[in-house]
C-alpha atoms as a PDB file:
ATOM      1  CA  UNK A   1     -30.533 -22.328  17.582  1.00  0.00           C
ATOM      2  CA  UNK A   2     -26.987 -22.499  15.807  1.00  0.00           C
ATOM      3  CA  UNK A   3     -26.305 -25.583  13.541  1.00  0.00           C
ATOM      4  CA  UNK A   4     -23.758 -27.804  15.176  1.00  0.00           C
ATOM      5  CA  UNK A   5     -20.690 -28.601  13.245  1.00  0.00           C
ATOM      6  CA  UNK A   6     -19.963 -32.135  12.084  1.00  0.00           C
ATOM      7  CA  UNK A   7     -17.205 -33.638  14.533  1.00  0.00           C
ATOM      8  CA  UNK A   8     -16.823 -30.780  16.593  1.00  0.00           C
ATOM      9  CA  UNK A   9     -17.750 -31.017  20.243  1.00  0.00           C
ATOM     10  CA  UNK A  10     -20.451 -28.140  21.251  1.00  0.00           C
ATOM     11  CA  UNK A  11     -17.954 -26.213  23.862  1.00  0.00           C
ATOM     12  CA  UNK A  12     -15.380 -26.400  21.224  1.00  0.00           C
ATOM     13  CA  UNK A  13     -18.090 -24.795  18.706  1.00  0.00           C
ATOM     14  CA  UNK A  14     -18.891 -22.138  21.158  1.00  0.00           C
ATOM     15  CA  UNK A  15     -15.261 -21.303  22.127  1.00  0.00           C
ATOM     16  CA  UNK A  16     -14.767 -20.841  17.995  1.00  0.00           C
ATOM     17  CA  UNK A  17     -17.555 -18.426  17.989  1.00  0.00           C
ATOM     18  CA  UNK A  18     -16.367 -16.455  21.168  1.00  0.00           C
ATOM     19  CA  UNK A  19     -13.006 -16.508  19.582  1.00  0.00           C
ATOM     20  CA  UNK A  20     -14.038 -14.747  16.563  1.00  0.00           C
ATOM     21  CA  UNK A  21     -16.048 -12.380  18.311  1.00  0.00           C
ATOM     22  CA  UNK A  22     -13.411 -11.394  21.043  1.00  0.00           C
ATOM     23  CA  UNK A  23     -11.156 -10.741  17.686  1.00  0.00           C
ATOM     24  CA  UNK A  24     -13.095  -8.196  16.233  1.00  0.00           C
ATOM     25  CA  UNK A  25     -14.089  -6.348  19.502  1.00  0.00           C
ATOM     26  CA  UNK A  26     -12.410  -3.901  21.859  1.00  0.00           C
ATOM     27  CA  UNK A  27     -11.542  -4.290  25.492  1.00  0.00           C
ATOM     28  CA  UNK A  28     -13.933  -3.925  27.865  1.00  0.00           C
ATOM     29  CA  UNK A  29     -17.023  -4.789  25.310  1.00  0.00           C
ATOM     30  CA  UNK A  30     -19.569  -6.927  26.328  1.00  0.00           C
ATOM     31  CA  UNK A  31     -19.955 -10.957  25.447  1.00  0.00           C
ATOM     32  CA  UNK A  32     -23.096 -13.127  25.811  1.00  0.00           C
ATOM     33  CA  UNK A  33     -24.067 -14.323  29.163  1.00  0.00           C
ATOM     34  CA  UNK A  34     -24.308 -17.993  29.813  1.00  0.00           C
ATOM     35  CA  UNK A  35     -27.895 -18.285  29.465  1.00  0.00           C
ATOM     36  CA  UNK A  36     -27.615 -16.324  26.011  1.00  0.00           C
ATOM     37  CA  UNK A  37     -25.066 -19.177  24.721  1.00  0.00           C
ATOM     38  CA  UNK A  38     -27.342 -21.876  26.006  1.00  0.00           C
ATOM     39  CA  UNK A  39     -30.516 -20.590  24.058  1.00  0.00           C
ATOM     40  CA  UNK A  40     -28.200 -19.886  20.838  1.00  0.00           C
ATOM     41  CA  UNK A  41     -26.309 -23.071  20.689  1.00  0.00           C
ATOM     42  CA  UNK A  42     -28.975 -25.290  22.671  1.00  0.00           C
ATOM     43  CA  UNK A  43     -26.484 -26.670  25.209  1.00  0.00           C
ATOM     44  CA  UNK A  44     -26.890 -26.975  28.861  1.00  0.00           C
ATOM     45  CA  UNK A  45     -25.251 -24.052  31.133  1.00  0.00           C
ATOM     46  CA  UNK A  46     -22.457 -26.317  32.043  1.00  0.00           C
ATOM     47  CA  UNK A  47     -21.309 -26.344  28.447  1.00  0.00           C
ATOM     48  CA  UNK A  48     -21.460 -23.001  27.875  1.00  0.00           C
ATOM     49  CA  UNK A  49     -19.210 -22.210  31.075  1.00  0.00           C
ATOM     50  CA  UNK A  50     -16.607 -25.023  29.748  1.00  0.00           C
ATOM     51  CA  UNK A  51     -16.000 -22.877  26.824  1.00  0.00           C
ATOM     52  CA  UNK A  52     -16.053 -19.562  28.281  1.00  0.00           C
ATOM     53  CA  UNK A  53     -13.758 -20.485  31.297  1.00  0.00           C
ATOM     54  CA  UNK A  54     -11.073 -22.074  28.558  1.00  0.00           C
ATOM     55  CA  UNK A  55     -11.025 -18.098  27.338  1.00  0.00           C
ATOM     56  CA  UNK A  56     -10.709 -16.798  30.567  1.00  0.00           C
ATOM     57  CA  UNK A  57      -7.599 -19.045  31.309  1.00  0.00           C
ATOM     58  CA  UNK A  58      -6.081 -17.651  28.018  1.00  0.00           C
ATOM     59  CA  UNK A  59      -7.013 -14.165  28.941  1.00  0.00           C
ATOM     60  CA  UNK A  60      -9.076 -13.269  26.350  1.00  0.00           C
ATOM     61  CA  UNK A  61     -12.006 -12.338  28.460  1.00  0.00           C
ATOM     62  CA  UNK A  62     -12.757 -11.954  31.890  1.00  0.00           C
ATOM     63  CA  UNK A  63     -16.151 -12.204  34.383  1.00  0.00           C
ATOM     64  CA  UNK A  64     -17.291  -9.521  36.875  1.00  0.00           C
ATOM     65  CA  UNK A  65     -19.980 -11.209  39.178  1.00  0.00           C
ATOM     66  CA  UNK A  66     -23.231  -9.774  38.621  1.00  0.00           C
ATOM     67  CA  UNK A  67     -22.624  -7.964  35.871  1.00  0.00           C
ATOM     68  CA  UNK A  68     -21.261  -9.866  32.847  1.00  0.00           C
ATOM     69  CA  UNK A  69     -19.005 -11.391  30.927  1.00  0.00           C
ATOM     70  CA  UNK A  70     -16.350  -8.829  28.941  1.00  0.00           C
ATOM     71  CA  UNK A  71     -13.723  -8.430  26.260  1.00  0.00           C
ATOM     72  CA  UNK A  72      -9.872  -8.406  28.242  1.00  0.00           C
ATOM     73  CA  UNK A  73      -7.341  -5.988  27.436  1.00  0.00           C
ATOM     74  CA  UNK A  74      -5.353  -7.833  24.591  1.00  0.00           C
ATOM     75  CA  UNK A  75      -1.986  -7.699  26.551  1.00  0.00           C
ATOM     76  CA  UNK A  76      -0.135  -8.375  29.426  1.00  0.00           C
ATOM     77  CA  UNK A  77       1.853  -6.500  31.652  1.00  0.00           C
ATOM     78  CA  UNK A  78       5.497  -7.989  31.751  1.00  0.00           C
ATOM     79  CA  UNK A  79       7.778  -7.604  34.422  1.00  0.00           C
ATOM     80  CA  UNK A  80      11.656  -8.520  34.385  1.00  0.00           C
ATOM     81  CA  UNK A  81      12.939 -10.465  37.158  1.00  0.00           C
ATOM     82  CA  UNK A  82      16.170  -9.233  37.323  1.00  0.00           C
ATOM     83  CA  UNK A  83      15.063  -5.729  38.435  1.00  0.00           C
ATOM     84  CA  UNK A  84      13.700  -4.540  42.099  1.00  0.00           C
ATOM     85  CA  UNK A  85      10.727  -1.918  41.382  1.00  0.00           C
ATOM     86  CA  UNK A  86       7.885  -0.875  43.399  1.00  0.00           C
ATOM     87  CA  UNK A  87       4.291  -1.726  41.680  1.00  0.00           C
ATOM     88  CA  UNK A  88       3.858   1.805  41.238  1.00  0.00           C
ATOM     89  CA  UNK A  89       7.109   2.838  39.705  1.00  0.00           C
ATOM     90  CA  UNK A  90       6.471  -0.199  37.201  1.00  0.00           C
ATOM     91  CA  UNK A  91       3.198   0.744  36.346  1.00  0.00           C
ATOM     92  CA  UNK A  92       3.979   4.286  35.331  1.00  0.00           C
ATOM     93  CA  UNK A  93       7.322   2.847  33.585  1.00  0.00           C
ATOM     94  CA  UNK A  94       4.399   1.362  31.447  1.00  0.00           C
ATOM     95  CA  UNK A  95       2.476   3.731  30.852  1.00  0.00           C
ATOM     96  CA  UNK A  96      -0.167   2.788  33.187  1.00  0.00           C
ATOM     97  CA  UNK A  97      -1.834   4.806  36.360  1.00  0.00           C
ATOM     98  CA  UNK A  98      -1.359   3.108  39.678  1.00  0.00           C
ATOM     99  CA  UNK A  99      -3.548   3.287  42.318  1.00  0.00           C
ATOM    100  CA  UNK A 100      -4.809   0.740  45.000  1.00  0.00           C
ATOM    101  CA  UNK A 101      -8.120  -0.345  46.768  1.00  0.00           C
ATOM    102  CA  UNK A 102      -7.161  -0.716  50.862  1.00  0.00           C
ATOM    103  CA  UNK A 103      -8.600  -3.794  52.518  1.00  0.00           C
ATOM    104  CA  UNK A 104      -6.784  -3.882  55.616  1.00  0.00           C
ATOM    105  CA  UNK A 105      -4.445  -1.360  57.348  1.00  0.00           C
ATOM    106  CA  UNK A 106      -3.301  -1.856  60.847  1.00  0.00           C
ATOM    107  CA  UNK A 107      -1.523  -3.289  63.448  1.00  0.00           C
ATOM    108  CA  UNK A 108      -1.943  -7.437  63.746  1.00  0.00           C
ATOM    109  CA  UNK A 109      -0.540 -10.572  64.945  1.00  0.00           C
ATOM    110  CA  UNK A 110       2.062 -11.922  62.785  1.00  0.00           C
ATOM    111  CA  UNK A 111       1.910 -14.973  61.005  1.00  0.00           C
ATOM    112  CA  UNK A 112       4.964 -17.412  61.826  1.00  0.00           C
ATOM    113  CA  UNK A 113       6.759 -16.794  58.623  1.00  0.00           C
ATOM    114  CA  UNK A 114       5.998 -13.024  58.937  1.00  0.00           C
ATOM    115  CA  UNK A 115       7.614 -13.027  62.588  1.00  0.00           C
ATOM    116  CA  UNK A 116      10.817 -15.258  61.229  1.00  0.00           C
ATOM    117  CA  UNK A 117      11.510 -12.961  58.244  1.00  0.00           C
ATOM    118  CA  UNK A 118      11.301  -9.554  60.117  1.00  0.00           C
ATOM    119  CA  UNK A 119      13.234 -10.999  62.796  1.00  0.00           C
ATOM    120  CA  UNK A 120      10.609  -9.827  65.439  1.00  0.00           C
ATOM    121  CA  UNK A 121      10.759 -10.346  69.128  1.00  0.00           C
ATOM    122  CA  UNK A 122       8.110 -12.736  70.797  1.00  0.00           C
ATOM    123  CA  UNK A 123       4.880 -10.833  71.306  1.00  0.00           C
ATOM    124  CA  UNK A 124       5.534  -8.314  68.718  1.00  0.00           C
ATOM    125  CA  UNK A 125       2.918  -7.218  66.258  1.00  0.00           C
ATOM    126  CA  UNK A 126       3.224  -6.303  62.512  1.00  0.00           C
ATOM    127  CA  UNK A 127       2.126  -3.128  60.643  1.00  0.00           C
ATOM    128  CA  UNK A 128      -0.199  -5.432  58.099  1.00  0.00           C
ATOM    129  CA  UNK A 129      -1.285  -3.485  54.620  1.00  0.00           C
ATOM    130  CA  UNK A 130      -3.411  -5.553  52.786  1.00  0.00           C
ATOM    131  CA  UNK A 131      -4.062  -4.159  49.025  1.00  0.00           C
ATOM    132  CA  UNK A 132      -5.774  -4.485  45.548  1.00  0.00           C
ATOM    133  CA  UNK A 133      -3.170  -2.992  43.150  1.00  0.00           C
ATOM    134  CA  UNK A 134      -4.584  -1.610  40.205  1.00  0.00           C
ATOM    135  CA  UNK A 135      -3.327  -0.148  36.823  1.00  0.00           C
ATOM    136  CA  UNK A 136      -5.593   2.301  35.247  1.00  0.00           C
ATOM    137  CA  UNK A 137      -8.282   1.011  37.227  1.00  0.00           C
ATOM    138  CA  UNK A 138      -7.731  -2.944  36.260  1.00  0.00           C
ATOM    139  CA  UNK A 139      -7.244  -5.029  39.080  1.00  0.00           C
ATOM    140  CA  UNK A 140      -3.634  -6.817  38.937  1.00  0.00           C
ATOM    141  CA  UNK A 141      -2.650  -8.320  42.216  1.00  0.00           C
ATOM    142  CA  UNK A 142      -3.765  -8.987  45.717  1.00  0.00           C
ATOM    143  CA  UNK A 143      -0.861  -7.796  48.052  1.00  0.00           C
ATOM    144  CA  UNK A 144      -0.729  -8.508  51.642  1.00  0.00           C
ATOM    145  CA  UNK A 145       2.864  -6.467  53.273  1.00  0.00           C
ATOM    146  CA  UNK A 146       3.821  -7.110  56.777  1.00  0.00           C
ATOM    147  CA  UNK A 147       6.114  -4.151  58.212  1.00  0.00           C
ATOM    148  CA  UNK A 148       8.206  -4.173  61.385  1.00  0.00           C
ATOM    149  CA  UNK A 149       6.319  -2.400  64.487  1.00  0.00           C
ATOM    150  CA  UNK A 150       8.946   0.706  63.686  1.00  0.00           C
ATOM    151  CA  UNK A 151       7.080   1.383  60.549  1.00  0.00           C
ATOM    152  CA  UNK A 152       3.862   2.300  61.941  1.00  0.00           C
ATOM    153  CA  UNK A 153       4.527   5.842  60.764  1.00  0.00           C
ATOM    154  CA  UNK A 154       3.525   4.636  57.206  1.00  0.00           C
ATOM    155  CA  UNK A 155      -0.123   4.184  58.537  1.00  0.00           C
ATOM    156  CA  UNK A 156      -0.469   8.489  58.236  1.00  0.00           C
ATOM    157  CA  UNK A 157      -0.291   7.962  54.678  1.00  0.00           C
ATOM    158  CA  UNK A 158      -3.231   7.508  52.356  1.00  0.00           C
ATOM    159  CA  UNK A 159      -2.189   4.254  51.019  1.00  0.00           C
ATOM    160  CA  UNK A 160      -4.769   3.858  47.920  1.00  0.00           C
ATOM    161  CA  UNK A 161      -2.931   6.560  46.136  1.00  0.00           C
ATOM    162  CA  UNK A 162       0.319   6.849  47.914  1.00  0.00           C
ATOM    163  CA  UNK A 163       3.403   4.220  46.867  1.00  0.00           C
ATOM    164  CA  UNK A 164       4.591   2.051  49.981  1.00  0.00           C
ATOM    165  CA  UNK A 165       7.873   2.550  49.412  1.00  0.00           C
ATOM    166  CA  UNK A 166       7.744   6.317  48.759  1.00  0.00           C
ATOM    167  CA  UNK A 167       6.034   6.231  52.351  1.00  0.00           C
ATOM    168  CA  UNK A 168       8.782   4.067  53.945  1.00  0.00           C
ATOM    169  CA  UNK A 169      11.668   6.165  52.230  1.00  0.00           C
ATOM    170  CA  UNK A 170       9.681   9.285  53.807  1.00  0.00           C
ATOM    171  CA  UNK A 171      10.233   7.821  57.323  1.00  0.00           C
ATOM    172  CA  UNK A 172      13.996   6.540  56.724  1.00  0.00           C
ATOM    173  CA  UNK A 173      13.630   3.000  55.477  1.00  0.00           C
ATOM    174  CA  UNK A 174      14.213   3.024  51.921  1.00  0.00           C
ATOM    175  CA  UNK A 175      13.916  -0.872  50.218  1.00  0.00           C
ATOM    176  CA  UNK A 176      16.967  -1.817  49.112  1.00  0.00           C
ATOM    177  CA  UNK A 177      16.842  -5.541  47.922  1.00  0.00           C
ATOM    178  CA  UNK A 178      14.194  -8.466  47.514  1.00  0.00           C
ATOM    179  CA  UNK A 179      14.903 -12.084  47.489  1.00  0.00           C
ATOM    180  CA  UNK A 180      11.841 -14.197  46.946  1.00  0.00           C
ATOM    181  CA  UNK A 181      10.165 -17.039  44.758  1.00  0.00           C
ATOM    182  CA  UNK A 182       7.067 -17.043  42.549  1.00  0.00           C
ATOM    183  CA  UNK A 183       4.880 -19.936  42.230  1.00  0.00           C
ATOM    184  CA  UNK A 184       1.193 -20.852  40.405  1.00  0.00           C
ATOM    185  CA  UNK A 185      -2.075 -21.966  41.829  1.00  0.00           C
ATOM    186  CA  UNK A 186      -5.527 -21.233  41.058  1.00  0.00           C
ATOM    187  CA  UNK A 187      -7.428 -18.313  42.274  1.00  0.00           C
ATOM    188  CA  UNK A 188     -10.021 -18.927  45.080  1.00  0.00           C
ATOM    189  CA  UNK A 189     -13.554 -17.527  44.729  1.00  0.00           C
ATOM    190  CA  UNK A 190     -12.781 -14.621  47.369  1.00  0.00           C
ATOM    191  CA  UNK A 191      -9.552 -13.521  45.026  1.00  0.00           C
ATOM    192  CA  UNK A 192     -11.475 -13.900  42.126  1.00  0.00           C
ATOM    193  CA  UNK A 193     -14.049 -11.432  42.887  1.00  0.00           C
ATOM    194  CA  UNK A 194     -11.318  -9.102  44.025  1.00  0.00           C
ATOM    195  CA  UNK A 195      -9.153  -9.414  41.156  1.00  0.00           C
ATOM    196  CA  UNK A 196     -12.230  -9.358  38.709  1.00  0.00           C
ATOM    197  CA  UNK A 197     -11.559 -12.730  37.124  1.00  0.00           C
ATOM    198  CA  UNK A 198     -13.286 -16.161  37.045  1.00  0.00           C
ATOM    199  CA  UNK A 199     -12.746 -18.669  40.168  1.00  0.00           C
ATOM    200  CA  UNK A 200     -10.193 -20.923  39.585  1.00  0.00           C
ATOM    201  CA  UNK A 201      -8.354 -18.619  37.043  1.00  0.00           C
ATOM    202  CA  UNK A 202      -4.304 -18.855  37.194  1.00  0.00           C
ATOM    203  CA  UNK A 203      -2.410 -17.025  39.694  1.00  0.00           C
ATOM    204  CA  UNK A 204       1.211 -16.071  40.346  1.00  0.00           C
ATOM    205  CA  UNK A 205       1.980 -15.862  43.897  1.00  0.00           C
ATOM    206  CA  UNK A 206       5.379 -14.032  44.503  1.00  0.00           C
ATOM    207  CA  UNK A 207       6.484 -14.081  48.318  1.00  0.00           C
ATOM    208  CA  UNK A 208       9.666 -12.001  48.994  1.00  0.00           C
ATOM    209  CA  UNK A 209      11.596 -10.930  51.631  1.00  0.00           C
ATOM    210  CA  UNK A 210      12.861  -6.979  51.331  1.00  0.00           C
ATOM    211  CA  UNK A 211      15.886  -5.568  53.008  1.00  0.00           C
ATOM    212  CA  UNK A 212      16.675  -1.859  53.787  1.00  0.00           C
ATOM    213  CA  UNK A 213      19.662   0.385  52.927  1.00  0.00           C
ATOM    214  CA  UNK A 214      21.391  -1.092  55.909  1.00  0.00           C
ATOM    215  CA  UNK A 215      20.367  -4.381  55.236  1.00  0.00           C
ATOM    216  CA  UNK A 216      17.314  -4.914  57.932  1.00  0.00           C
ATOM    217  CA  UNK A 217      14.495  -6.867  57.234  1.00  0.00           C
ATOM    218  CA  UNK A 218      11.701  -4.435  56.021  1.00  0.00           C
ATOM    219  CA  UNK A 219       8.737  -6.370  54.196  1.00  0.00           C
ATOM    220  CA  UNK A 220       7.263  -9.544  54.067  1.00  0.00           C
ATOM    221  CA  UNK A 221       5.019  -9.492  51.104  1.00  0.00           C
ATOM    222  CA  UNK A 222       3.090 -11.902  49.391  1.00  0.00           C
ATOM    223  CA  UNK A 223       1.384 -10.494  46.128  1.00  0.00           C
ATOM    224  CA  UNK A 224      -0.895 -12.436  44.003  1.00  0.00           C
ATOM    225  CA  UNK A 225      -0.885 -11.675  40.535  1.00  0.00           C
ATOM    226  CA  UNK A 226      -3.607 -12.315  38.006  1.00  0.00           C
ATOM    227  CA  UNK A 227      -2.166 -14.952  35.439  1.00  0.00           C
ATOM    228  CA  UNK A 228      -4.375 -13.388  32.902  1.00  0.00           C
ATOM    229  CA  UNK A 229      -2.632  -9.849  33.261  1.00  0.00           C
ATOM    230  CA  UNK A 230       0.687 -10.251  34.508  1.00  0.00           C
ATOM    231  CA  UNK A 231       3.820 -12.151  33.138  1.00  0.00           C
ATOM    232  CA  UNK A 232       7.039 -12.513  34.792  1.00  0.00           C
ATOM    233  CA  UNK A 233      10.371 -12.468  31.913  1.00  0.00           C
ATOM    234  CA  UNK A 234      13.254 -14.218  32.973  1.00  0.00           C
ATOM    235  CA  UNK A 235      16.876 -13.781  31.289  1.00  0.00           C
ATOM    236  CA  UNK A 236      19.250 -16.781  31.863  1.00  0.00           C
ATOM    237  CA  UNK A 237      22.638 -16.762  31.075  1.00  0.00           C
ATOM    238  CA  UNK A 238      25.058 -19.649  30.414  1.00  0.00           C
ATOM    239  CA  UNK A 239      28.051 -19.499  33.061  1.00  0.00           C
ATOM    240  CA  UNK A 240      31.732 -17.801  31.552  1.00  0.00           C
ATOM    241  CA  UNK A 241      29.911 -16.261  28.723  1.00  0.00           C
ATOM    242  CA  UNK A 242      29.675 -12.267  28.915  1.00  0.00           C
ATOM    243  CA  UNK A 243      26.340  -9.901  28.794  1.00  0.00           C
ATOM    244  CA  UNK A 244      25.087 -10.254  25.283  1.00  0.00           C
ATOM    245  CA  UNK A 245      24.267  -6.629  23.786  1.00  0.00           C
ATOM    246  CA  UNK A 246      21.042  -7.405  22.378  1.00  0.00           C
ATOM    247  CA  UNK A 247      20.160  -3.953  21.015  1.00  0.00           C
ATOM    248  CA  UNK A 248      23.266  -4.401  18.839  1.00  0.00           C
ATOM    249  CA  UNK A 249      22.322  -7.855  17.644  1.00  0.00           C
ATOM    250  CA  UNK A 250      19.008  -6.740  16.588  1.00  0.00           C
ATOM    251  CA  UNK A 251      20.344  -3.555  14.758  1.00  0.00           C
ATOM    252  CA  UNK A 252      22.715  -6.037  13.160  1.00  0.00           C
ATOM    253  CA  UNK A 253      20.218  -8.142  11.596  1.00  0.00           C
ATOM    254  CA  UNK A 254      17.675  -5.321  10.900  1.00  0.00           C
ATOM    255  CA  UNK A 255      21.074  -4.107   8.588  1.00  0.00           C
ATOM    256  CA  UNK A 256      21.659  -7.594   7.129  1.00  0.00           C
ATOM    257  CA  UNK A 257      17.832  -7.916   6.100  1.00  0.00           C
ATOM    258  CA  UNK A 258      18.089  -4.432   4.266  1.00  0.00           C
END
């Protein structure tokens, strides 16, 4: 049994020990189970889980239900908010191999938001594509895409490996403009299982409407990103000020430093 440090709560003692182990481990390395932590530190399972949950929220480790707890990748994927890229193009640009796990593909009744966003006539169905998006085999997001019925041709593609935007372009509907918003919430148990994270881990939820190159509604999409693995980067500029050449500014600072 580990000796408790004076004045340090037991869950923080476990947390510090796990942080040290993560620091010297590689992504994917196994970490002690809740039962092993209970035996090592002489604490309840609830106390052990409290420590593990904190590190999971920070993205330092992740759980695979039925398999155990593992060291997470030590970086997150960053996406600039001022650029419209497909998930596949974005991952390739960052040196990762994109893929998908198809959960559902076919015709379905639209939600009210989908029917309004796609400007459907009463009684029209949508082409629904529901996938888990992966980068180098790691789940990054759960994506639900609703398309107008005229886009049913994309169902002929293998959407586990083919970019949906490439499939849409192939049938003459090139995605051109996206408008949307990002909110945050906690993952449900089902979402956590699909993303291989701990339940109630943070999610970044992006809802957007995509228009084609003729300005016609093309997609209503909800993407639920793991907050442990994904970051949205924002650049804000005050009114009346021209863009700053950040590359030149960095070079100037480096020259001054030398």
